[in-house]
N, C-alpha and C. Protein backbone atom coordinates (compact mmCIF):
# COMPACT_ATOMS: atom_id res chain seq x y z
N MET A 1 2.60 7.02 -8.30
CA MET A 1 2.05 5.44 -8.14
C MET A 1 1.79 5.37 -5.87
N VAL A 2 1.61 6.29 -6.01
CA VAL A 2 1.95 6.22 -3.84
C VAL A 2 -0.34 6.50 -4.14
N ALA A 3 -0.84 7.90 -5.18
CA ALA A 3 -2.51 7.41 -4.78
C ALA A 3 -3.14 6.09 -4.10
N GLU A 4 -2.22 5.31 -5.72
CA GLU A 4 -2.68 4.05 -5.97
C GLU A 4 -1.92 3.41 -5.32
N GLY A 5 -0.99 3.08 -4.36
CA GLY A 5 -1.01 1.85 -3.66
C GLY A 5 -1.92 2.45 -1.60
N LEU A 6 -2.54 3.82 -1.75
CA LEU A 6 -3.07 4.09 -0.94
C LEU A 6 -4.47 3.68 -1.40
N GLU A 7 -4.53 3.60 -2.62
CA GLU A 7 -6.17 3.66 -2.84
C GLU A 7 -6.00 2.67 -2.52
N LEU A 8 -4.99 1.14 -3.57
CA LEU A 8 -5.06 -0.13 -2.77
C LEU A 8 -4.96 -0.71 -0.78
N LEU A 9 -4.31 -0.12 -0.44
CA LEU A 9 -4.76 0.15 1.16
C LEU A 9 -5.36 0.39 2.15
N HIS A 10 -6.15 1.35 1.59
CA HIS A 10 -7.87 1.97 1.91
C HIS A 10 -8.53 0.70 2.01
N ILE A 11 -9.14 0.52 0.72
CA ILE A 11 -9.70 -0.92 0.64
C ILE A 11 -8.95 -2.33 0.82
N LYS A 12 -7.68 -3.03 1.72
CA LYS A 12 -7.68 -3.94 2.17
C LYS A 12 -8.04 -3.24 3.83
N ILE A 13 -7.88 -2.33 4.05
CA ILE A 13 -8.37 -2.11 5.55
C ILE A 13 -9.85 -2.22 5.86
N GLN A 14 -10.15 -1.71 5.11
CA GLN A 14 -11.69 -1.81 4.75
C GLN A 14 -12.78 -2.89 5.11
N GLN A 15 -11.42 -4.06 4.48
CA GLN A 15 -11.78 -5.50 3.97
C GLN A 15 -11.85 -6.09 5.37
N ASP A 16 -10.64 -5.93 5.94
CA ASP A 16 -10.07 -6.88 7.15
C ASP A 16 -10.69 -6.53 8.20
N ASP A 17 -11.49 -7.63 8.57
CA ASP A 17 -13.03 -7.96 9.44
C ASP A 17 -11.86 -7.60 11.02
N SER A 18 -11.01 -7.59 10.87
CA SER A 18 -10.16 -8.35 12.25
C SER A 18 -9.46 -7.11 13.04
N LEU A 19 -9.09 -6.36 12.41
CA LEU A 19 -8.35 -5.07 12.38
C LEU A 19 -9.01 -4.57 14.07
N HIS A 20 -10.11 -4.59 14.44
CA HIS A 20 -10.03 -4.18 15.78
C HIS A 20 -10.12 -4.93 16.57
N GLN A 21 -9.47 -6.28 16.29
CA GLN A 21 -9.06 -7.40 17.54
C GLN A 21 -7.59 -6.64 17.75
N LYS A 22 -6.79 -5.53 16.74
CA LYS A 22 -5.32 -6.01 16.10
C LYS A 22 -4.97 -4.09 17.59
N THR A 23 -6.36 -3.10 17.22
CA THR A 23 -6.01 -1.85 17.37
C THR A 23 -7.05 -0.91 17.95
N ASP A 24 -6.93 -0.27 18.53
CA ASP A 24 -8.32 0.71 19.39
C ASP A 24 -8.94 1.59 18.20
N LEU A 25 -7.32 1.62 16.74
CA LEU A 25 -8.20 2.31 16.14
C LEU A 25 -9.00 1.85 15.45
N SER A 26 -9.39 3.29 14.83
CA SER A 26 -10.53 2.88 13.97
C SER A 26 -10.38 2.57 11.97
N ASN A 27 -10.68 2.10 10.70
CA ASN A 27 -10.37 1.64 10.06
C ASN A 27 -10.07 3.07 8.96
N GLU A 28 -11.18 4.50 9.38
CA GLU A 28 -10.27 5.67 8.92
C GLU A 28 -8.68 6.30 9.74
N GLU A 29 -9.02 5.70 10.66
CA GLU A 29 -8.10 6.43 11.51
C GLU A 29 -6.33 5.78 10.64
N ILE A 30 -6.59 4.79 10.92
CA ILE A 30 -5.90 4.02 10.14
C ILE A 30 -5.05 4.47 9.42
N PHE A 31 -5.71 4.65 8.09
CA PHE A 31 -5.93 5.18 6.35
C PHE A 31 -5.54 6.25 6.86
N GLN A 32 -5.64 7.23 8.27
CA GLN A 32 -5.52 8.79 7.63
C GLN A 32 -4.25 8.64 8.20
N LEU A 33 -3.54 8.10 9.04
CA LEU A 33 -2.22 7.73 9.76
C LEU A 33 -1.21 7.39 8.70
N ALA A 34 -1.90 6.64 7.62
CA ALA A 34 -0.29 5.59 6.83
C ALA A 34 -0.21 7.23 5.79
N LYS A 35 -2.09 7.92 5.30
CA LYS A 35 -1.88 8.47 4.22
C LYS A 35 -0.49 10.15 4.59
N LEU A 36 -0.75 10.19 5.96
CA LEU A 36 -0.42 11.58 6.69
C LEU A 36 0.77 11.40 6.52
N CYS A 37 1.90 9.92 6.64
CA CYS A 37 2.57 9.67 6.50
C CYS A 37 2.87 9.60 4.75
N THR A 38 2.42 9.69 4.01
CA THR A 38 3.25 9.85 2.56
C THR A 38 2.67 11.33 2.20
N GLU A 39 2.60 12.21 3.09
CA GLU A 39 1.74 13.51 2.52
C GLU A 39 3.03 14.24 2.91
N ASN A 40 4.51 14.24 3.47
CA ASN A 40 5.15 15.05 3.72
C ASN A 40 6.73 13.71 4.10
N PRO A 41 6.95 12.97 3.12
CA PRO A 41 7.70 12.11 3.52
C PRO A 41 9.56 12.78 3.69
N TYR A 42 9.49 11.91 5.02
CA TYR A 42 10.99 12.43 5.74
C TYR A 42 11.75 11.00 5.77
N PHE A 43 12.74 11.09 5.10
CA PHE A 43 13.67 9.66 5.53
C PHE A 43 15.17 10.22 5.91
N GLU A 44 16.23 10.15 7.06
CA GLU A 44 17.27 9.34 7.70
C GLU A 44 18.62 8.94 7.15
N CYS A 45 19.50 9.10 6.91
CA CYS A 45 20.77 7.90 6.47
C CYS A 45 21.71 8.22 7.54
N GLU A 46 22.83 8.09 6.74
CA GLU A 46 23.91 8.29 7.07
C GLU A 46 24.78 9.61 7.16
N PHE A 47 24.00 10.64 6.31
CA PHE A 47 24.12 12.10 5.97
C PHE A 47 23.48 12.90 6.44
N GLY A 48 21.66 12.31 6.91
CA GLY A 48 22.39 13.24 7.95
C GLY A 48 20.15 13.11 7.57
N PHE A 49 19.21 13.47 7.78
CA PHE A 49 17.73 14.13 8.01
C PHE A 49 17.10 14.17 6.51
N PHE A 50 16.47 14.27 5.57
CA PHE A 50 15.91 14.55 4.47
C PHE A 50 14.50 14.04 4.19
N LYS A 51 14.20 15.25 4.07
CA LYS A 51 12.67 15.86 3.10
C LYS A 51 12.91 14.97 1.69
N GLN A 52 11.71 13.83 1.20
CA GLN A 52 11.82 14.31 -0.22
C GLN A 52 11.19 14.24 -0.67
N LYS A 53 11.32 14.87 -1.69
CA LYS A 53 10.53 15.54 -3.28
C LYS A 53 9.14 14.55 -3.74
N GLY A 54 8.73 13.87 -4.03
CA GLY A 54 8.08 12.69 -3.97
C GLY A 54 7.87 11.85 -3.56
N GLY A 55 6.86 10.28 -3.76
CA GLY A 55 7.11 9.48 -3.94
C GLY A 55 7.31 9.06 -2.48
N THR A 56 7.38 8.00 -1.45
CA THR A 56 7.06 7.21 -0.07
C THR A 56 8.65 7.51 0.44
N PRO A 57 8.56 7.36 2.40
CA PRO A 57 9.83 7.81 2.38
C PRO A 57 11.14 6.49 2.00
N MET A 58 12.07 6.68 2.10
CA MET A 58 12.91 5.61 1.29
C MET A 58 13.39 4.40 2.32
N GLY A 59 12.74 2.98 1.66
CA GLY A 59 13.11 2.22 3.14
C GLY A 59 12.10 2.16 4.11
N GLY A 60 11.26 3.13 4.23
CA GLY A 60 9.83 2.90 5.47
C GLY A 60 9.54 1.80 4.65
N PRO A 61 9.03 1.52 6.44
CA PRO A 61 7.98 -0.35 5.95
C PRO A 61 7.44 0.64 5.07
N LEU A 62 5.98 2.17 4.97
CA LEU A 62 4.88 2.37 4.76
C LEU A 62 5.23 1.59 3.30
N SER A 63 6.56 1.94 3.34
CA SER A 63 6.67 2.19 1.90
C SER A 63 6.88 1.00 0.78
N ARG A 64 7.23 -0.16 1.15
CA ARG A 64 7.70 -1.21 1.08
C ARG A 64 6.25 -2.02 0.55
N CYS A 65 5.20 -1.41 1.77
CA CYS A 65 3.81 -2.33 2.39
C CYS A 65 3.23 -1.75 0.53
N LEU A 66 3.12 -0.43 0.56
CA LEU A 66 2.02 0.35 -0.85
C LEU A 66 3.31 -0.95 -1.93
N SER A 67 4.38 -0.46 -2.24
CA SER A 67 4.91 -0.82 -3.46
C SER A 67 3.99 -2.39 -3.75
N ASP A 68 4.12 -3.12 -2.31
CA ASP A 68 3.13 -4.26 -2.66
C ASP A 68 2.56 -3.99 -3.14
N LEU A 69 1.22 -3.75 -2.77
CA LEU A 69 -0.42 -3.73 -2.96
C LEU A 69 -0.22 -3.69 -4.38
N VAL A 70 0.72 -1.84 -5.51
CA VAL A 70 0.73 -1.68 -6.45
C VAL A 70 1.12 -3.23 -7.09
N VAL A 71 2.12 -3.32 -7.33
CA VAL A 71 2.84 -4.72 -7.97
C VAL A 71 2.03 -6.51 -7.46
N GLU A 72 1.49 -5.67 -6.20
CA GLU A 72 0.07 -6.89 -6.60
C GLU A 72 -0.73 -7.40 -7.41
N LYS A 73 -1.21 -5.63 -7.41
CA LYS A 73 -1.99 -5.50 -8.11
C LYS A 73 -2.02 -5.61 -10.00
N ARG A 74 -0.60 -5.30 -10.35
CA ARG A 74 -0.56 -5.61 -12.08
C ARG A 74 -0.01 -7.05 -12.09
N ILE A 75 0.24 -7.71 -11.59
CA ILE A 75 0.25 -8.85 -11.41
C ILE A 75 -0.51 -9.88 -11.75
N GLU A 76 -1.94 -9.19 -10.72
CA GLU A 76 -2.55 -10.39 -10.76
C GLU A 76 -3.82 -9.86 -12.02
N ALA A 77 -3.08 -8.15 -12.42
CA ALA A 77 -3.80 -7.86 -13.93
C ALA A 77 -3.83 -8.28 -15.38
N LYS A 78 -2.00 -9.33 -14.53
CA LYS A 78 -1.71 -10.28 -16.54
C LYS A 78 -2.15 -10.69 -15.71
N ILE A 79 -1.94 -11.81 -14.91
CA ILE A 79 -3.00 -13.53 -14.68
C ILE A 79 -3.95 -13.56 -15.45
N ALA A 80 -4.88 -12.63 -15.25
CA ALA A 80 -6.00 -12.44 -16.13
C ALA A 80 -6.33 -12.29 -17.07
N GLU A 81 -5.00 -12.00 -17.56
CA GLU A 81 -5.60 -11.87 -19.27
C GLU A 81 -5.16 -12.77 -19.93
N HIS A 82 -4.13 -13.82 -19.59
CA HIS A 82 -3.77 -14.83 -19.13
C HIS A 82 -4.93 -15.71 -19.77
N PRO A 83 -4.91 -16.58 -21.09
CA PRO A 83 -6.31 -17.21 -21.52
C PRO A 83 -6.27 -19.10 -20.76
N VAL A 84 -5.46 -18.76 -20.18
CA VAL A 84 -4.83 -20.74 -19.62
C VAL A 84 -5.25 -20.26 -17.83
N TRP A 85 -4.17 -18.94 -17.32
CA TRP A 85 -4.19 -19.08 -15.64
C TRP A 85 -5.30 -18.35 -15.17
N GLY A 86 -5.73 -17.25 -16.13
CA GLY A 86 -6.81 -16.09 -15.68
C GLY A 86 -7.84 -17.15 -15.27
N PRO A 87 -8.43 -18.04 -15.91
CA PRO A 87 -9.63 -18.46 -15.11
C PRO A 87 -9.48 -20.30 -14.21
N GLN A 88 -7.77 -20.28 -14.51
CA GLN A 88 -8.26 -21.28 -13.07
C GLN A 88 -8.11 -20.32 -12.03
N MET A 89 -7.16 -19.55 -11.85
CA MET A 89 -7.36 -18.36 -10.94
C MET A 89 -8.43 -18.28 -10.02
N GLY A 90 -9.25 -18.01 -10.84
CA GLY A 90 -10.54 -17.54 -11.68
C GLY A 90 -10.80 -16.19 -11.54
N LEU A 91 -9.85 -15.18 -12.01
CA LEU A 91 -8.89 -13.98 -12.55
C LEU A 91 -9.30 -13.85 -13.92
N GLY A 92 -9.91 -14.41 -14.44
CA GLY A 92 -10.59 -14.22 -15.70
C GLY A 92 -11.82 -14.50 -16.42
């Protein structure tokens, strides 16, 4: 699921024409930073500092962003399959 989220994030980054107004980083640098954060997930809680064996860091903002992108894609796919809603939303 992390790979799917990163793929969707990469697409969103490439489609955002306003990023140059928000940061000096290139689209590829932003994506590489996001990828780096998911390759070695660490998190901290009241019990200490931990390295996760899989997934994204628990409770991290990037984790929520990637999850939202995946869920959004899956919801849109289901809506597109619907005989009435899909065509109305231009998805089917």
